[in-house]
Protein backbone atom coordinates (compact mmCIF):
# COMPACT_ATOMS: atom_id res chain seq x y z
CA MET A 1 16.04 -19.70 -17.71
CA SER A 2 13.98 -20.97 -14.77
CA HIS A 3 13.53 -19.13 -11.47
CA ASP A 4 15.75 -21.70 -9.74
CA GLN A 5 18.53 -21.16 -12.29
CA ARG A 6 18.41 -17.36 -11.90
CA TYR A 7 18.13 -17.53 -8.12
CA PRO A 8 19.90 -20.73 -7.02
CA HIS A 9 19.69 -19.69 -3.36
CA ALA A 10 16.06 -18.53 -3.35
CA GLY A 11 15.56 -20.10 0.09
CA VAL A 12 18.19 -17.79 1.63
CA GLN A 13 16.67 -15.00 3.71
CA LEU A 14 18.05 -12.15 5.77
CA ASN A 15 17.41 -12.95 9.44
CA HIS A 16 18.98 -9.97 11.23
CA THR A 17 21.50 -7.21 10.80
CA ALA A 18 23.46 -5.17 13.31
CA VAL A 19 22.82 -1.44 13.23
CA TYR A 20 25.55 0.55 14.95
CA ALA A 21 24.38 3.42 17.12
CA SER A 22 25.96 5.79 19.62
CA ASP A 23 22.94 5.10 21.90
CA ARG A 24 21.18 1.83 21.08
CA TYR A 25 18.09 2.74 23.13
CA LEU A 26 17.63 6.12 21.45
CA SER A 27 18.07 4.74 17.93
CA ALA A 28 15.97 1.60 18.41
CA GLU A 29 13.15 3.56 20.06
CA PHE A 30 13.32 6.17 17.27
CA ILE A 31 12.90 3.75 14.36
CA ALA A 32 10.31 1.70 16.24
CA ALA A 33 8.25 4.83 16.93
CA ILE A 34 8.48 6.05 13.33
CA LEU A 35 7.54 2.68 11.84
CA GLY A 36 4.89 1.83 14.44
CA LEU A 37 6.87 -1.11 15.86
CA LYS A 38 8.09 -2.21 19.28
CA VAL A 39 11.55 -2.63 20.70
CA SER A 40 12.18 -6.12 22.08
CA ALA A 41 14.09 -7.05 25.23
CA PRO A 42 17.88 -6.73 25.05
CA PHE A 43 19.69 -9.77 23.66
CA GLY A 44 23.33 -9.63 24.74
CA PRO A 45 24.77 -6.36 23.42
CA PHE A 46 21.84 -5.95 21.02
CA LEU A 47 18.53 -4.16 21.30
CA PRO A 48 16.28 -5.76 18.66
CA VAL A 49 13.50 -4.19 16.63
CA ASP A 50 11.48 -6.93 14.94
CA LEU A 51 10.16 -6.15 11.48
CA GLY A 52 7.05 -7.73 10.00
CA ASN A 53 8.89 -10.20 7.78
CA GLY A 54 10.99 -12.02 10.36
CA VAL A 55 14.02 -9.74 10.02
CA THR A 56 15.42 -8.08 13.12
CA LEU A 57 17.38 -4.84 13.34
CA ASP A 58 19.81 -5.47 16.20
CA TYR A 59 20.93 -2.10 17.54
CA CYS A 60 24.43 -2.24 19.00
CA GLU A 61 26.35 0.60 20.60
CA LYS A 62 29.59 1.71 19.05
CA ARG A 63 31.25 4.44 21.05
CA ASP A 64 34.95 4.09 20.22
CA GLU A 65 34.73 5.56 16.69
CA PRO A 66 32.28 7.51 14.53
CA ILE A 67 29.22 5.71 13.18
CA GLN A 68 29.51 5.03 9.45
CA SER A 69 26.23 6.01 7.81
CA GLN A 70 24.34 3.11 6.23
CA HIS A 71 21.13 2.90 4.21
CA TYR A 72 18.11 0.92 5.39
CA ALA A 73 14.93 0.71 3.30
CA PHE A 74 11.56 -0.34 4.71
CA LEU A 75 8.64 -1.51 2.61
CA VAL A 76 5.47 -0.29 4.34
CA PRO A 77 1.85 -0.91 3.39
CA ASP A 78 0.36 1.96 1.42
CA GLU A 79 -2.31 2.50 4.06
CA GLN A 80 0.41 3.04 6.72
CA PHE A 81 2.61 5.43 4.74
CA ASP A 82 0.76 8.62 5.73
CA ALA A 83 1.04 7.63 9.41
CA VAL A 84 4.82 7.20 9.06
CA ILE A 85 5.10 10.67 7.51
CA ALA A 86 2.86 12.12 10.25
CA ARG A 87 5.09 10.58 12.96
CA LEU A 88 8.19 12.09 11.31
CA GLU A 89 6.50 15.48 11.25
CA ALA A 90 5.32 15.11 14.87
CA VAL A 91 8.89 14.65 16.12
CA GLY A 92 10.33 17.33 13.82
CA VAL A 93 12.33 15.05 11.54
CA THR A 94 12.67 16.32 7.98
CA TYR A 95 11.93 13.82 5.24
CA TYR A 96 12.98 14.05 1.62
CA ALA A 97 11.81 12.77 -1.76
CA ASP A 98 15.36 11.79 -2.73
CA PRO A 99 18.26 9.85 -1.18
CA GLY A 100 20.56 12.89 -1.39
CA HIS A 101 18.18 14.89 0.82
CA ALA A 102 17.85 17.75 -1.67
CA ASP A 103 14.03 17.85 -1.82
CA PRO A 104 12.76 18.40 1.77
CA GLY A 105 9.19 17.91 2.92
CA ARG A 106 8.21 15.95 -0.17
CA VAL A 107 7.66 12.31 -1.05
CA ASN A 108 8.45 10.54 -4.32
CA ASP A 109 6.22 8.41 -6.53
CA LEU A 110 8.73 5.82 -7.72
CA PHE A 111 7.45 2.57 -9.23
CA GLY A 112 3.83 3.60 -8.78
CA GLY A 113 4.11 3.97 -5.02
CA ARG A 114 5.28 6.58 -2.55
CA GLY A 115 8.57 6.92 -0.73
CA ALA A 116 10.63 9.18 1.47
CA TYR A 117 14.07 9.35 3.07
CA PHE A 118 15.09 10.60 6.51
CA ASP A 119 18.02 10.42 8.92
CA ASP A 120 17.99 8.49 12.16
CA PRO A 121 19.78 9.91 15.25
CA ASP A 122 23.17 8.63 14.02
CA GLY A 123 22.78 9.77 10.42
CA HIS A 124 21.74 6.45 8.88
CA ASN A 125 19.79 7.21 5.70
CA MET A 126 16.44 5.54 6.26
CA GLU A 127 13.90 5.01 3.49
CA VAL A 128 10.23 4.14 3.60
CA MET A 129 8.48 3.04 0.43
CA THR A 130 5.18 1.49 -0.55
CA ARG A 131 6.42 -0.35 -3.67
CA PRO A 132 9.66 -2.27 -4.07
CA TYR A 133 12.10 -1.16 -6.73
CA ALA A 134 11.34 -2.57 -10.18
CA ARG A 135 14.48 -4.47 -11.12
CA PRO A 136 15.26 -5.81 -14.58
């Protein structure tokens, strides 16, 4: 089976996603600081954080009901991983080797890389990893 047959929509890419937050400024500034990124100017109700691959996290405030925790995974270059961990430690955010947050202060070595999980201010389960998941 050819690549085009397995992935008929290979040209489809994620452009942006809304990330609900109780305080869009706090949450956008938090993830930007941890990942070494910048927060862009507000765009309507959104506060964008541009990632390196053309995808934007559009932080949007949601104050009328609790924030439902989501999972966001970020592929970071191996040479930047230690800096991400150092920034988490500098602001007192605990990171974990596992998505269930049972192994604090440790990183994992999945798929020949390194990874860690941490919560953002609204409890979104964030992940940083240096190697993408190996999928069958």
